[in-house]
Protein backbone atom coordinates (compact mmCIF):
# COMPACT_ATOMS: atom_id res chain seq x y z
CA GLU A 1 -0.13 -0.02 -0.05
CA HIS A 2 2.81 2.39 1.00
CA GLY A 3 5.28 3.62 -1.66
CA ALA A 4 8.81 4.81 -0.74
CA ALA A 5 9.17 8.37 -2.08
CA ASN A 6 12.23 9.77 -3.58
CA TRP A 7 13.19 11.60 -0.46
CA GLN A 8 14.95 8.74 1.68
CA GLY A 9 18.72 9.40 2.22
CA TYR A 10 18.52 13.03 3.02
CA THR A 11 18.77 15.02 5.85
CA TRP A 12 15.79 16.98 7.04
CA ALA A 13 15.83 20.18 9.08
CA ASP A 14 13.01 21.99 10.99
CA PRO A 15 12.85 25.43 9.01
CA ASP A 16 12.10 27.30 12.22
CA GLN A 17 14.99 25.73 13.97
CA LEU A 18 17.69 24.53 11.59
CA TRP A 19 19.63 22.70 14.47
CA ARG A 20 16.81 20.16 14.61
CA HIS A 21 17.78 17.54 12.24
CA ALA A 22 15.98 14.24 10.90
CA ASN A 23 17.48 11.33 8.98
CA PRO A 24 14.35 9.03 8.44
CA ASP A 25 15.13 5.74 6.44
CA PHE A 26 12.03 6.33 4.26
CA ILE A 27 9.41 8.71 3.77
CA ALA A 28 6.30 6.76 2.57
CA THR A 29 3.50 8.09 0.61
CA SER A 30 0.15 6.46 -0.32
CA PRO A 31 -2.45 7.65 -2.88
CA THR A 32 -5.25 7.28 -0.31
CA ARG A 33 -3.60 9.59 2.30
CA SER A 34 -2.61 13.14 1.86
CA GLN A 35 0.18 13.25 4.28
CA HIS A 36 3.62 11.75 4.30
CA GLU A 37 4.36 9.02 6.83
CA ILE A 38 7.86 8.41 8.35
CA VAL A 39 9.34 4.84 8.27
CA GLU A 40 12.19 3.54 10.42
CA ILE A 41 13.62 0.02 10.02
CA LYS A 42 15.22 -1.66 12.75
CA THR A 43 16.80 -5.08 13.66
CA SER A 44 16.79 -6.52 17.26
CA ALA A 45 18.19 -9.62 18.87
CA TYR A 46 15.63 -9.90 21.66
CA ALA A 47 11.82 -9.84 21.37
CA ASP A 48 11.09 -8.61 25.05
CA GLU A 49 11.37 -5.31 24.33
CA TRP A 50 8.91 -5.24 21.45
CA GLY A 51 4.99 -5.56 21.90
CA PRO A 52 3.02 -7.83 19.48
CA SER A 53 2.96 -6.35 15.91
CA GLY A 54 0.31 -3.88 15.63
CA SER A 55 0.80 -2.55 19.00
CA ASP A 56 2.54 0.76 20.19
CA ILE A 57 4.87 -1.16 22.47
CA VAL A 58 8.21 -0.35 21.33
CA PRO A 59 11.58 0.42 23.02
CA PRO A 60 11.69 4.04 24.31
CA TRP A 61 14.87 4.91 22.30
CA TYR A 62 13.23 4.05 18.97
CA LEU A 63 9.86 5.55 19.96
CA THR A 64 11.88 8.69 20.88
CA GLN A 65 13.73 8.82 17.49
CA LEU A 66 10.59 8.29 15.62
CA LEU A 67 8.65 11.11 17.65
CA TRP A 68 11.56 13.37 17.05
CA TYR A 69 11.34 12.83 13.20
CA LEU A 70 7.58 13.10 13.12
CA ASP A 71 7.79 16.42 14.80
CA ILE A 72 10.51 17.84 12.51
CA LEU A 73 8.83 16.66 9.46
CA ASN A 74 5.46 17.87 10.98
CA ALA A 75 4.01 14.28 10.10
CA ARG A 76 1.05 12.66 11.89
CA TRP A 77 1.81 8.73 11.25
CA GLY A 78 5.10 7.01 11.73
CA TRP A 79 5.99 3.09 11.25
CA LEU A 80 8.68 1.15 13.00
CA ALA A 81 9.56 -2.05 11.37
CA VAL A 82 11.76 -4.48 13.15
CA LEU A 83 13.31 -7.85 12.38
CA ILE A 84 13.60 -9.75 15.60
CA GLY A 85 16.28 -12.70 15.83
CA GLY A 86 16.51 -13.04 12.11
CA ASN A 87 12.90 -14.29 11.51
CA ASP A 88 10.27 -12.40 13.42
CA TYR A 89 9.23 -9.55 11.46
CA ARG A 90 6.88 -6.89 13.14
CA GLU A 91 5.45 -3.53 12.25
CA TYR A 92 4.20 -0.71 14.64
CA ARG A 93 2.44 2.28 13.34
CA ILE A 94 2.55 5.21 15.89
CA ASP A 95 0.07 8.20 15.69
CA SER A 96 1.90 11.50 16.93
CA ARG A 97 -1.36 12.53 18.30
CA ASN A 98 -1.24 9.93 20.96
CA HIS A 99 2.22 11.23 22.16
CA ALA A 100 1.74 14.85 22.30
CA ASP A 101 3.20 15.22 25.96
CA ASN A 102 6.18 12.82 24.84
CA ILE A 103 6.87 15.32 21.70
CA ALA A 104 6.55 18.30 23.88
CA PHE A 105 9.12 16.87 26.47
CA ILE A 106 11.54 15.76 23.81
CA ARG A 107 11.42 19.21 22.55
CA ALA A 108 11.84 21.00 25.75
CA GLN A 109 15.04 18.80 26.56
CA THR A 110 16.56 19.13 23.25
CA GLU A 111 16.18 22.75 23.19
CA ARG A 112 17.59 23.17 26.57
CA PHE A 113 20.49 21.10 25.65
CA TRP A 114 21.17 23.23 22.46
CA ARG A 115 20.90 26.29 24.35
CA SER A 116 23.76 25.02 26.75
CA VAL A 117 25.89 23.91 24.06
CA GLN A 118 25.33 27.55 22.21
CA GLY A 119 26.16 28.99 25.80
CA GLY A 120 29.36 27.18 25.74
CA GLU A 121 28.55 24.59 28.12
CA THR A 122 30.72 21.38 27.70
CA PRO A 123 28.11 18.23 27.42
CA PRO A 124 28.92 15.57 30.05
CA ILE A 125 31.37 12.93 28.88
CA ASP A 126 29.23 9.53 28.62
CA GLY A 127 30.30 6.05 27.46
CA ALA A 128 29.36 6.33 23.88
CA ASP A 129 32.08 5.43 21.28
CA SER A 130 30.86 8.55 19.30
CA THR A 131 31.73 10.77 22.51
CA TYR A 132 35.32 9.12 22.70
CA ARG A 133 35.79 9.86 18.96
CA THR A 134 34.69 13.36 19.00
CA ILE A 135 36.98 14.16 22.06
CA ARG A 136 39.84 12.55 19.95
CA LYS A 137 39.12 14.86 17.16
CA LEU A 138 39.16 18.03 19.61
CA HIS A 139 42.64 16.91 20.05
CA PRO A 140 44.18 15.67 16.86
CA ASP A 141 47.83 16.39 17.23
CA ILE A 142 49.42 14.29 20.20
CA ASP A 143 52.87 15.68 21.39
CA ASP A 144 55.46 14.12 23.57
CA GLU A 145 54.42 16.03 26.62
CA GLN A 146 53.39 14.06 29.65
CA ILE A 147 50.89 15.24 32.29
CA GLU A 148 49.63 13.99 35.76
CA ILE A 149 46.22 12.59 35.56
CA PRO A 150 43.98 12.61 38.81
CA ALA A 151 44.33 9.51 40.92
CA ASP A 152 40.59 8.72 40.86
CA LEU A 153 40.64 8.73 36.82
CA ALA A 154 43.85 6.35 36.80
CA ALA A 155 41.95 4.10 39.28
CA ARG A 156 38.81 4.01 37.14
CA LEU A 157 41.05 3.45 33.91
CA ILE A 158 42.80 0.24 35.64
CA GLU A 159 39.54 -0.98 36.93
CA SER A 160 37.53 -0.68 33.74
CA LYS A 161 40.61 -2.33 31.74
CA ALA A 162 40.32 -5.14 34.32
CA ALA A 163 36.63 -5.71 34.09
CA LYS A 164 36.76 -5.45 30.08
CA GLU A 165 39.16 -8.03 30.30
CA ALA A 166 37.31 -10.13 32.53
CA ALA A 167 33.97 -9.80 30.27
CA GLU A 168 35.78 -10.87 27.16
CA ILE A 169 36.95 -13.98 28.82
CA SER A 170 33.45 -14.57 30.16
CA TRP A 171 32.10 -14.13 26.70
CA THR A 172 34.54 -16.22 25.03
CA GLN A 173 33.79 -19.15 27.57
CA SER A 174 30.19 -18.65 27.04
CA LEU A 175 30.80 -18.97 23.27
CA ALA A 176 32.71 -22.00 23.84
CA LEU A 177 30.09 -23.68 26.40
CA ALA A 178 27.43 -22.66 23.87
CA ALA A 179 29.56 -24.45 20.95
CA ASP A 180 30.01 -27.57 23.01
CA ALA A 181 26.43 -27.61 23.85
CA LEU A 182 25.08 -27.21 20.26
CA GLY A 183 27.57 -29.87 19.10
CA SER A 184 26.66 -29.97 15.30
CA ALA A 185 23.51 -28.36 15.73
CA LYS A 186 23.35 -25.10 13.94
CA THR A 187 20.57 -23.37 16.41
CA GLY A 188 19.95 -23.49 19.95
CA THR A 189 16.58 -22.32 21.58
CA LEU A 190 15.05 -21.59 25.09
CA GLY A 191 11.71 -22.50 26.04
């Protein structure tokens, strides 16, 4: 019923607030509907965060992304399509009118954040790989200087490295145990 318009792959901006961007996977059109609809396509390893197909029970981070796009593009309807575990396809149609409070909250929080950045406030450093890459880009030239780092940061680095190594060993051991349990079987199931 829906056809993908020739608008996918673009970055869209709110004409009144150009810092608000959206990068939808697709913008769907239909001859029976006058408005466009936003389509986001996802994959997930686990079904427990997704409701039945046709419901509006989706992970909050995906709902937030879709509501953000709906707001920027002034669209009423959005779709989340997900393939769970490689073989469980589900669709969720989200009506932005049912999420007016969420959209207002998202808008208020992002506007507050944008104002803080424009005011020169440095955002907090989180654990995202993109944050690390951004900080490295801020300091592209590494020289031979040596500086003293705070003791609590040094301790955190040492503890984090040990925890990472332990997690990697546990993961490899778990894979080996699973491979042993599977034997020559391709797939293992639970329940």
